[in-house]
Amino acid sequence: MDQRTTLSRVTTGMRVVDSAGVDVGTVDLVQRGDPNAVTVQAPTTDPGSSLDELIESATVAEPDVPADLAARLLRTGYLKVSTELVPTGAVYVLADQISTVTPTEVTLNTPAATLPPED
């Protein structure tokens, strides 16, 4: 099954289990890949003084990881998984780390310890 088909079968709230059967958490976000995605750019404008501008500037763009990894996640597609396994409360799963998808569960082909945490 290709990565697009795999990601299209995943929905928010699904349980995620790693290759050893460890419960990783639940899917918070499904992002299909964009082969043309090259980089992630941080906002370059001053947040201004209005409350709306301040809130907008504080909003974190996904994925919240170092730029090189973010570019890879955006190209291949990814899941953001809420978890208690890392202090930040979320990890990212590359589309190619998904082994199988059932109607209620995503099984990974990698251990949870190798999943990059949210920054």
PDB file of N, CA and C in Angstrom:
ATOM      1  N   MET A   1       0.849  -1.179   0.000  1.00  0.00           N
ATOM      2  CA  MET A   1       0.000   0.000   0.000  1.00  0.00           C
ATOM      3  C   MET A   1       0.895   1.242   0.000  1.00  0.00           C
ATOM      4  N   ASP A   2       0.601   2.242  -0.854  1.00  0.00           N
ATOM      5  CA  ASP A   2       1.447   3.426  -0.888  1.00  0.00           C
ATOM      6  C   ASP A   2       1.106   4.366   0.274  1.00  0.00           C
ATOM      7  N   GLN A   3       1.980   5.344   0.498  1.00  0.00           N
ATOM      8  CA  GLN A   3       1.855   6.225   1.659  1.00  0.00           C
ATOM      9  C   GLN A   3       0.584   7.074   1.610  1.00  0.00           C
ATOM     10  N   ARG A   4       0.184   7.531   0.435  1.00  0.00           N
ATOM     11  CA  ARG A   4      -1.045   8.334   0.335  1.00  0.00           C
ATOM     12  C   ARG A   4      -2.258   7.522   0.733  1.00  0.00           C
ATOM     13  N   THR A   5      -2.328   6.288   0.243  1.00  0.00           N
ATOM     14  CA  THR A   5      -3.444   5.418   0.582  1.00  0.00           C
ATOM     15  C   THR A   5      -3.439   5.125   2.072  1.00  0.00           C
ATOM     16  N   THR A   6      -2.265   4.865   2.623  1.00  0.00           N
ATOM     17  CA  THR A   6      -2.153   4.586   4.050  1.00  0.00           C
ATOM     18  C   THR A   6      -2.657   5.771   4.862  1.00  0.00           C
ATOM     19  N   LEU A   7      -2.165   6.974   4.571  1.00  0.00           N
ATOM     20  CA  LEU A   7      -2.585   8.159   5.332  1.00  0.00           C
ATOM     21  C   LEU A   7      -4.069   8.457   5.162  1.00  0.00           C
ATOM     22  N   SER A   8      -4.630   8.158   4.003  1.00  0.00           N
ATOM     23  CA  SER A   8      -6.049   8.443   3.775  1.00  0.00           C
ATOM     24  C   SER A   8      -6.952   7.569   4.638  1.00  0.00           C
ATOM     25  N   ARG A   9      -6.429   6.476   5.151  1.00  0.00           N
ATOM     26  CA  ARG A   9      -7.206   5.566   6.003  1.00  0.00           C
ATOM     27  C   ARG A   9      -7.110   5.919   7.487  1.00  0.00           C
ATOM     28  N   VAL A  10      -6.236   6.882   7.827  1.00  0.00           N
ATOM     29  CA  VAL A  10      -6.035   7.276   9.227  1.00  0.00           C
ATOM     30  C   VAL A  10      -6.909   8.477   9.552  1.00  0.00           C
ATOM     31  N   THR A  11      -7.539   8.444  10.728  1.00  0.00           N
ATOM     32  CA  THR A  11      -8.345   9.578  11.191  1.00  0.00           C
ATOM     33  C   THR A  11      -7.926   9.959  12.606  1.00  0.00           C
ATOM     34  N   THR A  12      -8.236  11.197  12.973  1.00  0.00           N
ATOM     35  CA  THR A  12      -7.903  11.647  14.325  1.00  0.00           C
ATOM     36  C   THR A  12      -8.641  10.787  15.350  1.00  0.00           C
ATOM     37  N   GLY A  13      -7.973  10.578  16.468  1.00  0.00           N
ATOM     38  CA  GLY A  13      -8.547   9.775  17.540  1.00  0.00           C
ATOM     39  C   GLY A  13      -8.191   8.299  17.490  1.00  0.00           C
ATOM     40  N   MET A  14      -7.600   7.839  16.375  1.00  0.00           N
ATOM     41  CA  MET A  14      -7.224   6.426  16.276  1.00  0.00           C
ATOM     42  C   MET A  14      -6.076   6.120  17.238  1.00  0.00           C
ATOM     43  N   ARG A  15      -6.069   4.925  17.756  1.00  0.00           N
ATOM     44  CA  ARG A  15      -5.001   4.446  18.630  1.00  0.00           C
ATOM     45  C   ARG A  15      -3.770   4.139  17.781  1.00  0.00           C
ATOM     46  N   VAL A  16      -2.572   4.440  18.335  1.00  0.00           N
ATOM     47  CA  VAL A  16      -1.319   4.163  17.638  1.00  0.00           C
ATOM     48  C   VAL A  16      -0.487   3.218  18.506  1.00  0.00           C
ATOM     49  N   VAL A  17      -0.004   2.125  17.879  1.00  0.00           N
ATOM     50  CA  VAL A  17       0.781   1.102  18.571  1.00  0.00           C
ATOM     51  C   VAL A  17       2.096   0.937  17.823  1.00  0.00           C
ATOM     52  N   ASP A  18       3.209   0.835  18.567  1.00  0.00           N
ATOM     53  CA  ASP A  18       4.502   0.694  17.885  1.00  0.00           C
ATOM     54  C   ASP A  18       4.770  -0.751  17.492  1.00  0.00           C
ATOM     55  N   SER A  19       5.936  -1.011  16.926  1.00  0.00           N
ATOM     56  CA  SER A  19       6.272  -2.333  16.397  1.00  0.00           C
ATOM     57  C   SER A  19       6.362  -3.413  17.477  1.00  0.00           C
ATOM     58  N   ALA A  20       6.548  -3.005  18.738  1.00  0.00           N
ATOM     59  CA  ALA A  20       6.624  -3.967  19.837  1.00  0.00           C
ATOM     60  C   ALA A  20       5.290  -4.122  20.560  1.00  0.00           C
ATOM     61  N   GLY A  21       4.256  -3.446  20.063  1.00  0.00           N
ATOM     62  CA  GLY A  21       2.936  -3.538  20.697  1.00  0.00           C
ATOM     63  C   GLY A  21       2.712  -2.519  21.799  1.00  0.00           C
ATOM     64  N   VAL A  22       3.651  -1.583  21.974  1.00  0.00           N
ATOM     65  CA  VAL A  22       3.521  -0.541  23.000  1.00  0.00           C
ATOM     66  C   VAL A  22       2.508   0.504  22.531  1.00  0.00           C
ATOM     67  N   ASP A  23       1.585   0.857  23.415  1.00  0.00           N
ATOM     68  CA  ASP A  23       0.590   1.883  23.100  1.00  0.00           C
ATOM     69  C   ASP A  23       1.279   3.241  23.078  1.00  0.00           C
ATOM     70  N   VAL A  24       1.357   3.862  21.898  1.00  0.00           N
ATOM     71  CA  VAL A  24       2.033   5.155  21.752  1.00  0.00           C
ATOM     72  C   VAL A  24       1.103   6.288  22.158  1.00  0.00           C
ATOM     73  N   GLY A  25      -0.135   6.260  21.704  1.00  0.00           N
ATOM     74  CA  GLY A  25      -1.093   7.320  22.008  1.00  0.00           C
ATOM     75  C   GLY A  25      -2.188   7.362  20.963  1.00  0.00           C
ATOM     76  N   THR A  26      -2.731   8.578  20.731  1.00  0.00           N
ATOM     77  CA  THR A  26      -3.805   8.720  19.759  1.00  0.00           C
ATOM     78  C   THR A  26      -3.451   9.789  18.717  1.00  0.00           C
ATOM     79  N   VAL A  27      -3.972   9.593  17.523  1.00  0.00           N
ATOM     80  CA  VAL A  27      -3.703  10.507  16.409  1.00  0.00           C
ATOM     81  C   VAL A  27      -4.394  11.845  16.669  1.00  0.00           C
ATOM     82  N   ASP A  28      -3.604  12.921  16.629  1.00  0.00           N
ATOM     83  CA  ASP A  28      -4.120  14.288  16.770  1.00  0.00           C
ATOM     84  C   ASP A  28      -4.278  14.971  15.423  1.00  0.00           C
ATOM     85  N   LEU A  29      -3.391  14.622  14.487  1.00  0.00           N
ATOM     86  CA  LEU A  29      -3.354  15.314  13.206  1.00  0.00           C
ATOM     87  C   LEU A  29      -2.864  14.357  12.134  1.00  0.00           C
ATOM     88  N   VAL A  30      -3.514  14.391  10.981  1.00  0.00           N
ATOM     89  CA  VAL A  30      -3.075  13.623   9.805  1.00  0.00           C
ATOM     90  C   VAL A  30      -2.741  14.635   8.721  1.00  0.00           C
ATOM     91  N   GLN A  31      -1.512  14.581   8.239  1.00  0.00           N
ATOM     92  CA  GLN A  31      -1.083  15.507   7.190  1.00  0.00           C
ATOM     93  C   GLN A  31      -0.570  14.711   6.005  1.00  0.00           C
ATOM     94  N   ARG A  32      -1.263  14.829   4.876  1.00  0.00           N
ATOM     95  CA  ARG A  32      -0.798  14.146   3.662  1.00  0.00           C
ATOM     96  C   ARG A  32       0.460  14.830   3.151  1.00  0.00           C
ATOM     97  N   GLY A  33       1.292  14.078   2.476  1.00  0.00           N
ATOM     98  CA  GLY A  33       2.554  14.590   1.972  1.00  0.00           C
ATOM     99  C   GLY A  33       2.409  15.489   0.760  1.00  0.00           C
ATOM    100  N   ASP A  34       3.381  16.377   0.612  1.00  0.00           N
ATOM    101  CA  ASP A  34       3.481  17.251  -0.546  1.00  0.00           C
ATOM    102  C   ASP A  34       4.888  17.097  -1.091  1.00  0.00           C
ATOM    103  N   PRO A  35       5.067  16.344  -2.178  1.00  0.00           N
ATOM    104  CA  PRO A  35       6.405  16.089  -2.708  1.00  0.00           C
ATOM    105  C   PRO A  35       7.162  17.363  -3.061  1.00  0.00           C
ATOM    106  N   ASN A  36       6.463  18.476  -3.244  1.00  0.00           N
ATOM    107  CA  ASN A  36       7.105  19.739  -3.595  1.00  0.00           C
ATOM    108  C   ASN A  36       7.493  20.571  -2.378  1.00  0.00           C
ATOM    109  N   ALA A  37       7.125  20.121  -1.182  1.00  0.00           N
ATOM    110  CA  ALA A  37       7.483  20.870   0.028  1.00  0.00           C
ATOM    111  C   ALA A  37       8.994  20.817   0.198  1.00  0.00           C
ATOM    112  N   VAL A  38       9.585  21.980   0.392  1.00  0.00           N
ATOM    113  CA  VAL A  38      11.040  22.045   0.492  1.00  0.00           C
ATOM    114  C   VAL A  38      11.481  22.479   1.866  1.00  0.00           C
ATOM    115  N   THR A  39      10.804  23.459   2.418  1.00  0.00           N
ATOM    116  CA  THR A  39      11.261  24.011   3.688  1.00  0.00           C
ATOM    117  C   THR A  39      10.097  24.583   4.475  1.00  0.00           C
ATOM    118  N   VAL A  40      10.366  24.858   5.731  1.00  0.00           N
ATOM    119  CA  VAL A  40       9.410  25.504   6.607  1.00  0.00           C
ATOM    120  C   VAL A  40      10.008  26.835   6.985  1.00  0.00           C
ATOM    121  N   GLN A  41       9.242  27.901   6.841  1.00  0.00           N
ATOM    122  CA  GLN A  41       9.768  29.218   7.175  1.00  0.00           C
ATOM    123  C   GLN A  41       9.057  29.760   8.400  1.00  0.00           C
ATOM    124  N   ALA A  42       9.847  30.334   9.308  1.00  0.00           N
ATOM    125  CA  ALA A  42       9.290  30.982  10.481  1.00  0.00           C
ATOM    126  C   ALA A  42       8.729  32.333  10.073  1.00  0.00           C
ATOM    127  N   PRO A  43       7.734  32.825  10.805  1.00  0.00           N
ATOM    128  CA  PRO A  43       7.202  34.140  10.488  1.00  0.00           C
ATOM    129  C   PRO A  43       8.299  35.192  10.608  1.00  0.00           C
ATOM    130  N   THR A  44       8.324  36.145   9.665  1.00  0.00           N
ATOM    131  CA  THR A  44       9.366  37.161   9.672  1.00  0.00           C
ATOM    132  C   THR A  44       8.840  38.528  10.077  1.00  0.00           C
ATOM    133  N   THR A  45       7.530  38.632  10.321  1.00  0.00           N
ATOM    134  CA  THR A  45       6.962  39.922  10.657  1.00  0.00           C
ATOM    135  C   THR A  45       6.924  40.126  12.164  1.00  0.00           C
ATOM    136  N   ASP A  46       6.923  41.384  12.566  1.00  0.00           N
ATOM    137  CA  ASP A  46       6.780  41.750  13.965  1.00  0.00           C
ATOM    138  C   ASP A  46       5.348  41.408  14.372  1.00  0.00           C
ATOM    139  N   PRO A  47       5.144  40.796  15.548  1.00  0.00           N
ATOM    140  CA  PRO A  47       3.799  40.398  15.931  1.00  0.00           C
ATOM    141  C   PRO A  47       2.847  41.575  16.137  1.00  0.00           C
ATOM    142  N   GLY A  48       3.349  42.806  16.262  1.00  0.00           N
ATOM    143  CA  GLY A  48       2.471  43.957  16.436  1.00  0.00           C
ATOM    144  C   GLY A  48       1.951  44.056  17.848  1.00  0.00           C
ATOM    145  N   SER A  49       0.994  44.918  18.020  1.00  0.00           N
ATOM    146  CA  SER A  49       0.542  45.167  19.379  1.00  0.00           C
ATOM    147  C   SER A  49      -0.882  44.723  19.639  1.00  0.00           C
ATOM    148  N   SER A  50      -1.638  44.367  18.588  1.00  0.00           N
ATOM    149  CA  SER A  50      -3.012  43.948  18.845  1.00  0.00           C
ATOM    150  C   SER A  50      -3.031  42.522  19.375  1.00  0.00           C
ATOM    151  N   LEU A  51      -4.072  42.212  20.128  1.00  0.00           N
ATOM    152  CA  LEU A  51      -4.210  40.874  20.707  1.00  0.00           C
ATOM    153  C   LEU A  51      -4.281  39.816  19.608  1.00  0.00           C
ATOM    154  N   ASP A  52      -5.026  40.077  18.542  1.00  0.00           N
ATOM    155  CA  ASP A  52      -5.132  39.114  17.445  1.00  0.00           C
ATOM    156  C   ASP A  52      -3.774  38.841  16.811  1.00  0.00           C
ATOM    157  N   GLU A  53      -2.989  39.899  16.603  1.00  0.00           N
ATOM    158  CA  GLU A  53      -1.660  39.720  16.011  1.00  0.00           C
ATOM    159  C   GLU A  53      -0.747  38.936  16.940  1.00  0.00           C
ATOM    160  N   LEU A  54      -0.858  39.183  18.237  1.00  0.00           N
ATOM    161  CA  LEU A  54      -0.044  38.477  19.223  1.00  0.00           C
ATOM    162  C   LEU A  54      -0.403  36.995  19.265  1.00  0.00           C
ATOM    163  N   ILE A  55      -1.702  36.689  19.261  1.00  0.00           N
ATOM    164  CA  ILE A  55      -2.150  35.295  19.267  1.00  0.00           C
ATOM    165  C   ILE A  55      -1.677  34.593  18.003  1.00  0.00           C
ATOM    166  N   GLU A  56      -1.814  35.256  16.857  1.00  0.00           N
ATOM    167  CA  GLU A  56      -1.387  34.663  15.590  1.00  0.00           C
ATOM    168  C   GLU A  56       0.109  34.379  15.584  1.00  0.00           C
ATOM    169  N   SER A  57       0.916  35.283  16.151  1.00  0.00           N
ATOM    170  CA  SER A  57       2.364  35.088  16.154  1.00  0.00           C
ATOM    171  C   SER A  57       2.776  33.962  17.091  1.00  0.00           C
ATOM    172  N   ALA A  58       1.957  33.678  18.103  1.00  0.00           N
ATOM    173  CA  ALA A  58       2.285  32.619  19.067  1.00  0.00           C
ATOM    174  C   ALA A  58       1.844  31.243  18.573  1.00  0.00           C
ATOM    175  N   THR A  59       1.025  31.205  17.539  1.00  0.00           N
ATOM    176  CA  THR A  59       0.555  29.939  17.001  1.00  0.00           C
ATOM    177  C   THR A  59       1.722  29.199  16.353  1.00  0.00           C
ATOM    178  N   VAL A  60       1.911  27.958  16.746  1.00  0.00           N
ATOM    179  CA  VAL A  60       3.030  27.172  16.231  1.00  0.00           C
ATOM    180  C   VAL A  60       2.606  26.461  14.959  1.00  0.00           C
ATOM    181  N   ALA A  61       3.418  26.613  13.943  1.00  0.00           N
ATOM    182  CA  ALA A  61       3.154  25.913  12.687  1.00  0.00           C
ATOM    183  C   ALA A  61       3.533  24.449  12.854  1.00  0.00           C
ATOM    184  N   GLU A  62       2.786  23.587  12.210  1.00  0.00           N
ATOM    185  CA  GLU A  62       3.095  22.161  12.233  1.00  0.00           C
ATOM    186  C   GLU A  62       3.960  21.821  11.031  1.00  0.00           C
ATOM    187  N   PRO A  63       4.833  20.883  11.171  1.00  0.00           N
ATOM    188  CA  PRO A  63       5.229  20.175  12.383  1.00  0.00           C
ATOM    189  C   PRO A  63       6.233  20.994  13.195  1.00  0.00           C
ATOM    190  N   ASP A  64       6.141  20.885  14.511  1.00  0.00           N
ATOM    191  CA  ASP A  64       6.994  21.643  15.423  1.00  0.00           C
ATOM    192  C   ASP A  64       8.243  20.821  15.759  1.00  0.00           C
ATOM    193  N   VAL A  65       9.148  20.751  14.776  1.00  0.00           N
ATOM    194  CA  VAL A  65      10.408  20.006  14.885  1.00  0.00           C
ATOM    195  C   VAL A  65      11.484  20.813  14.150  1.00  0.00           C
ATOM    196  N   PRO A  66      12.759  20.430  14.259  1.00  0.00           N
ATOM    197  CA  PRO A  66      13.801  21.134  13.493  1.00  0.00           C
ATOM    198  C   PRO A  66      13.485  21.157  11.995  1.00  0.00           C
ATOM    199  N   ALA A  67      13.955  22.209  11.320  1.00  0.00           N
ATOM    200  CA  ALA A  67      13.598  22.469   9.916  1.00  0.00           C
ATOM    201  C   ALA A  67      13.878  21.310   8.971  1.00  0.00           C
ATOM    202  N   ASP A  68      15.014  20.625   9.123  1.00  0.00           N
ATOM    203  CA  ASP A  68      15.314  19.532   8.193  1.00  0.00           C
ATOM    204  C   ASP A  68      14.321  18.384   8.337  1.00  0.00           C
ATOM    205  N   LEU A  69      13.956  18.062   9.574  1.00  0.00           N
ATOM    206  CA  LEU A  69      12.967  17.013   9.807  1.00  0.00           C
ATOM    207  C   LEU A  69      11.581  17.484   9.362  1.00  0.00           C
ATOM    208  N   ALA A  70      11.266  18.742   9.620  1.00  0.00           N
ATOM    209  CA  ALA A  70       9.967  19.288   9.205  1.00  0.00           C
ATOM    210  C   ALA A  70       9.798  19.166   7.698  1.00  0.00           C
ATOM    211  N   ALA A  71      10.841  19.489   6.942  1.00  0.00           N
ATOM    212  CA  ALA A  71      10.772  19.387   5.482  1.00  0.00           C
ATOM    213  C   ALA A  71      10.493  17.949   5.054  1.00  0.00           C
ATOM    214  N   ARG A  72      11.157  17.004   5.702  1.00  0.00           N
ATOM    215  CA  ARG A  72      10.941  15.582   5.373  1.00  0.00           C
ATOM    216  C   ARG A  72       9.509  15.154   5.707  1.00  0.00           C
ATOM    217  N   LEU A  73       9.016  15.564   6.881  1.00  0.00           N
ATOM    218  CA  LEU A  73       7.653  15.228   7.277  1.00  0.00           C
ATOM    219  C   LEU A  73       6.642  15.807   6.286  1.00  0.00           C
ATOM    220  N   LEU A  74       6.851  17.049   5.865  1.00  0.00           N
ATOM    221  CA  LEU A  74       5.935  17.691   4.931  1.00  0.00           C
ATOM    222  C   LEU A  74       5.953  17.019   3.561  1.00  0.00           C
ATOM    223  N   ARG A  75       7.126  16.547   3.139  1.00  0.00           N
ATOM    224  CA  ARG A  75       7.219  15.864   1.840  1.00  0.00           C
ATOM    225  C   ARG A  75       6.544  14.501   1.865  1.00  0.00           C
ATOM    226  N   THR A  76       6.794  13.721   2.928  1.00  0.00           N
ATOM    227  CA  THR A  76       6.284  12.348   2.952  1.00  0.00           C
ATOM    228  C   THR A  76       4.885  12.225   3.516  1.00  0.00           C
ATOM    229  N   GLY A  77       4.466  13.184   4.347  1.00  0.00           N
ATOM    230  CA  GLY A  77       3.219  13.075   5.086  1.00  0.00           C
ATOM    231  C   GLY A  77       3.520  12.520   6.469  1.00  0.00           C
ATOM    232  N   TYR A  78       2.660  12.837   7.416  1.00  0.00           N
ATOM    233  CA  TYR A  78       2.940  12.421   8.797  1.00  0.00           C
ATOM    234  C   TYR A  78       1.685  12.410   9.656  1.00  0.00           C
ATOM    235  N   LEU A  79       1.852  11.812  10.827  1.00  0.00           N
ATOM    236  CA  LEU A  79       0.842  11.854  11.874  1.00  0.00           C
ATOM    237  C   LEU A  79       1.449  12.577  13.066  1.00  0.00           C
ATOM    238  N   LYS A  80       0.651  13.361  13.755  1.00  0.00           N
ATOM    239  CA  LYS A  80       1.045  13.900  15.055  1.00  0.00           C
ATOM    240  C   LYS A  80       0.248  13.094  16.065  1.00  0.00           C
ATOM    241  N   VAL A  81       0.959  12.496  17.025  1.00  0.00           N
ATOM    242  CA  VAL A  81       0.331  11.585  17.975  1.00  0.00           C
ATOM    243  C   VAL A  81       0.476  12.131  19.393  1.00  0.00           C
ATOM    244  N   SER A  82      -0.648  12.296  20.083  1.00  0.00           N
ATOM    245  CA  SER A  82      -0.618  12.680  21.497  1.00  0.00           C
ATOM    246  C   SER A  82      -0.155  11.477  22.298  1.00  0.00           C
ATOM    247  N   THR A  83       0.794  11.712  23.192  1.00  0.00           N
ATOM    248  CA  THR A  83       1.366  10.602  23.946  1.00  0.00           C
ATOM    249  C   THR A  83       1.853  11.058  25.309  1.00  0.00           C
ATOM    250  N   GLU A  84       1.937  10.115  26.222  1.00  0.00           N
ATOM    251  CA  GLU A  84       2.519  10.377  27.537  1.00  0.00           C
ATOM    252  C   GLU A  84       3.958   9.859  27.592  1.00  0.00           C
ATOM    253  N   LEU A  85       4.483   9.395  26.459  1.00  0.00           N
ATOM    254  CA  LEU A  85       5.824   8.810  26.420  1.00  0.00           C
ATOM    255  C   LEU A  85       6.935   9.858  26.367  1.00  0.00           C
ATOM    256  N   VAL A  86       6.602  11.108  26.037  1.00  0.00           N
ATOM    257  CA  VAL A  86       7.601  12.183  25.974  1.00  0.00           C
ATOM    258  C   VAL A  86       7.083  13.394  26.741  1.00  0.00           C
ATOM    259  N   PRO A  87       7.984  14.207  27.301  1.00  0.00           N
ATOM    260  CA  PRO A  87       7.565  15.364  28.100  1.00  0.00           C
ATOM    261  C   PRO A  87       6.744  16.402  27.326  1.00  0.00           C
ATOM    262  N   THR A  88       6.975  16.540  26.018  1.00  0.00           N
ATOM    263  CA  THR A  88       6.241  17.539  25.233  1.00  0.00           C
ATOM    264  C   THR A  88       4.806  17.109  24.922  1.00  0.00           C
ATOM    265  N   GLY A  89       4.488  15.836  25.125  1.00  0.00           N
ATOM    266  CA  GLY A  89       3.119  15.353  24.935  1.00  0.00           C
ATOM    267  C   GLY A  89       2.738  14.945  23.531  1.00  0.00           C
ATOM    268  N   ALA A  90       3.710  15.003  22.587  1.00  0.00           N
ATOM    269  CA  ALA A  90       3.380  14.603  21.221  1.00  0.00           C
ATOM    270  C   ALA A  90       4.629  14.126  20.490  1.00  0.00           C
ATOM    271  N   VAL A  91       4.429  13.178  19.583  1.00  0.00           N
ATOM    272  CA  VAL A  91       5.491  12.694  18.696  1.00  0.00           C
ATOM    273  C   VAL A  91       4.956  12.725  17.273  1.00  0.00           C
ATOM    274  N   TYR A  92       5.881  12.659  16.314  1.00  0.00           N
ATOM    275  CA  TYR A  92       5.519  12.640  14.899  1.00  0.00           C
ATOM    276  C   TYR A  92       5.870  11.287  14.304  1.00  0.00           C
ATOM    277  N   VAL A  93       5.012  10.820  13.400  1.00  0.00           N
ATOM    278  CA  VAL A  93       5.203   9.545  12.710  1.00  0.00           C
ATOM    279  C   VAL A  93       5.251   9.833  11.213  1.00  0.00           C
ATOM    280  N   LEU A  94       6.365   9.497  10.582  1.00  0.00           N
ATOM    281  CA  LEU A  94       6.462   9.607   9.120  1.00  0.00           C
ATOM    282  C   LEU A  94       5.528   8.587   8.485  1.00  0.00           C
ATOM    283  N   ALA A  95       4.987   8.932   7.331  1.00  0.00           N
ATOM    284  CA  ALA A  95       4.069   8.022   6.645  1.00  0.00           C
ATOM    285  C   ALA A  95       4.700   6.655   6.409  1.00  0.00           C
ATOM    286  N   ASP A  96       6.015   6.624   6.123  1.00  0.00           N
ATOM    287  CA  ASP A  96       6.660   5.331   5.852  1.00  0.00           C
ATOM    288  C   ASP A  96       6.940   4.519   7.113  1.00  0.00           C
ATOM    289  N   GLN A  97       6.611   5.063   8.290  1.00  0.00           N
ATOM    290  CA  GLN A  97       6.749   4.312   9.539  1.00  0.00           C
ATOM    291  C   GLN A  97       5.457   3.586   9.908  1.00  0.00           C
ATOM    292  N   ILE A  98       4.427   3.730   9.071  1.00  0.00           N
ATOM    293  CA  ILE A  98       3.144   3.067   9.311  1.00  0.00           C
ATOM    294  C   ILE A  98       3.164   1.704   8.648  1.00  0.00           C
ATOM    295  N   SER A  99       2.900   0.678   9.447  1.00  0.00           N
ATOM    296  CA  SER A  99       2.888  -0.683   8.934  1.00  0.00           C
ATOM    297  C   SER A  99       1.498  -1.064   8.434  1.00  0.00           C
ATOM    298  N   THR A 100       0.490  -0.941   9.315  1.00  0.00           N
ATOM    299  CA  THR A 100      -0.878  -1.293   8.948  1.00  0.00           C
ATOM    300  C   THR A 100      -1.860  -0.305   9.567  1.00  0.00           C
ATOM    301  N   VAL A 101      -3.024  -0.228   8.942  1.00  0.00           N
ATOM    302  CA  VAL A 101      -4.109   0.613   9.455  1.00  0.00           C
ATOM    303  C   VAL A 101      -5.382  -0.226   9.451  1.00  0.00           C
ATOM    304  N   THR A 102      -6.005  -0.340  10.624  1.00  0.00           N
ATOM    305  CA  THR A 102      -7.310  -0.992  10.730  1.00  0.00           C
ATOM    306  C   THR A 102      -8.329   0.122  10.973  1.00  0.00           C
ATOM    307  N   PRO A 103      -9.602  -0.188  11.061  1.00  0.00           N
ATOM    308  CA  PRO A 103     -10.587   0.874  11.308  1.00  0.00           C
ATOM    309  C   PRO A 103     -10.385   1.626  12.628  1.00  0.00           C
ATOM    310  N   THR A 104      -9.679   1.040  13.577  1.00  0.00           N
ATOM    311  CA  THR A 104      -9.522   1.699  14.880  1.00  0.00           C
ATOM    312  C   THR A 104      -8.081   1.899  15.319  1.00  0.00           C
ATOM    313  N   GLU A 105      -7.108   1.340  14.564  1.00  0.00           N
ATOM    314  CA  GLU A 105      -5.728   1.345  15.065  1.00  0.00           C
ATOM    315  C   GLU A 105      -4.699   1.492  13.950  1.00  0.00           C
ATOM    316  N   VAL A 106      -3.622   2.212  14.289  1.00  0.00           N
ATOM    317  CA  VAL A 106      -2.468   2.364  13.405  1.00  0.00           C
ATOM    318  C   VAL A 106      -1.317   1.605  14.046  1.00  0.00           C
ATOM    319  N   THR A 107      -0.714   0.674  13.313  1.00  0.00           N
ATOM    320  CA  THR A 107       0.444  -0.061  13.812  1.00  0.00           C
ATOM    321  C   THR A 107       1.677   0.427  13.072  1.00  0.00           C
ATOM    322  N   LEU A 108       2.725   0.708  13.838  1.00  0.00           N
ATOM    323  CA  LEU A 108       3.963   1.227  13.263  1.00  0.00           C
ATOM    324  C   LEU A 108       4.952   0.102  12.996  1.00  0.00           C
ATOM    325  N   ASN A 109       5.930   0.377  12.127  1.00  0.00           N
ATOM    326  CA  ASN A 109       6.989  -0.594  11.845  1.00  0.00           C
ATOM    327  C   ASN A 109       8.277  -0.202  12.559  1.00  0.00           C
ATOM    328  N   THR A 110       8.158   0.625  13.593  1.00  0.00           N
ATOM    329  CA  THR A 110       9.303   1.136  14.336  1.00  0.00           C
ATOM    330  C   THR A 110       8.946   1.255  15.815  1.00  0.00           C
ATOM    331  N   PRO A 111       9.945   1.214  16.707  1.00  0.00           N
ATOM    332  CA  PRO A 111       9.651   1.387  18.136  1.00  0.00           C
ATOM    333  C   PRO A 111       9.324   2.845  18.456  1.00  0.00           C
ATOM    334  N   ALA A 112       8.499   3.050  19.470  1.00  0.00           N
ATOM    335  CA  ALA A 112       8.099   4.393  19.883  1.00  0.00           C
ATOM    336  C   ALA A 112       9.303   5.271  20.246  1.00  0.00           C
ATOM    337  N   ALA A 113      10.351   4.677  20.772  1.00  0.00           N
ATOM    338  CA  ALA A 113      11.525   5.434  21.198  1.00  0.00           C
ATOM    339  C   ALA A 113      12.223   6.160  20.041  1.00  0.00           C
ATOM    340  N   THR A 114      11.974   5.722  18.800  1.00  0.00           N
ATOM    341  CA  THR A 114      12.627   6.356  17.643  1.00  0.00           C
ATOM    342  C   THR A 114      11.805   7.494  17.047  1.00  0.00           C
ATOM    343  N   LEU A 115      10.589   7.733  17.560  1.00  0.00           N
ATOM    344  CA  LEU A 115       9.730   8.775  17.007  1.00  0.00           C
ATOM    345  C   LEU A 115      10.167  10.138  17.514  1.00  0.00           C
ATOM    346  N   PRO A 116      10.295  11.125  16.611  1.00  0.00           N
ATOM    347  CA  PRO A 116      10.734  12.454  17.038  1.00  0.00           C
ATOM    348  C   PRO A 116       9.652  13.164  17.860  1.00  0.00           C
ATOM    349  N   PRO A 117      10.040  13.730  19.007  1.00  0.00           N
ATOM    350  CA  PRO A 117       9.062  14.455  19.828  1.00  0.00           C
ATOM    351  C   PRO A 117       8.814  15.866  19.296  1.00  0.00           C
ATOM    352  N   GLU A 118       7.679  16.404  19.628  1.00  0.00           N
ATOM    353  CA  GLU A 118       7.378  17.800  19.310  1.00  0.00           C
ATOM    354  C   GLU A 118       8.344  18.678  20.095  1.00  0.00           C
ATOM    355  N   ASP A 119       8.785  19.773  19.477  1.00  0.00           N
ATOM    356  CA  ASP A 119       9.683  20.712  20.178  1.00  0.00           C
ATOM    357  C   ASP A 119       8.926  21.554  21.169  1.00  0.00           C
TER     358      ASP A 119
END
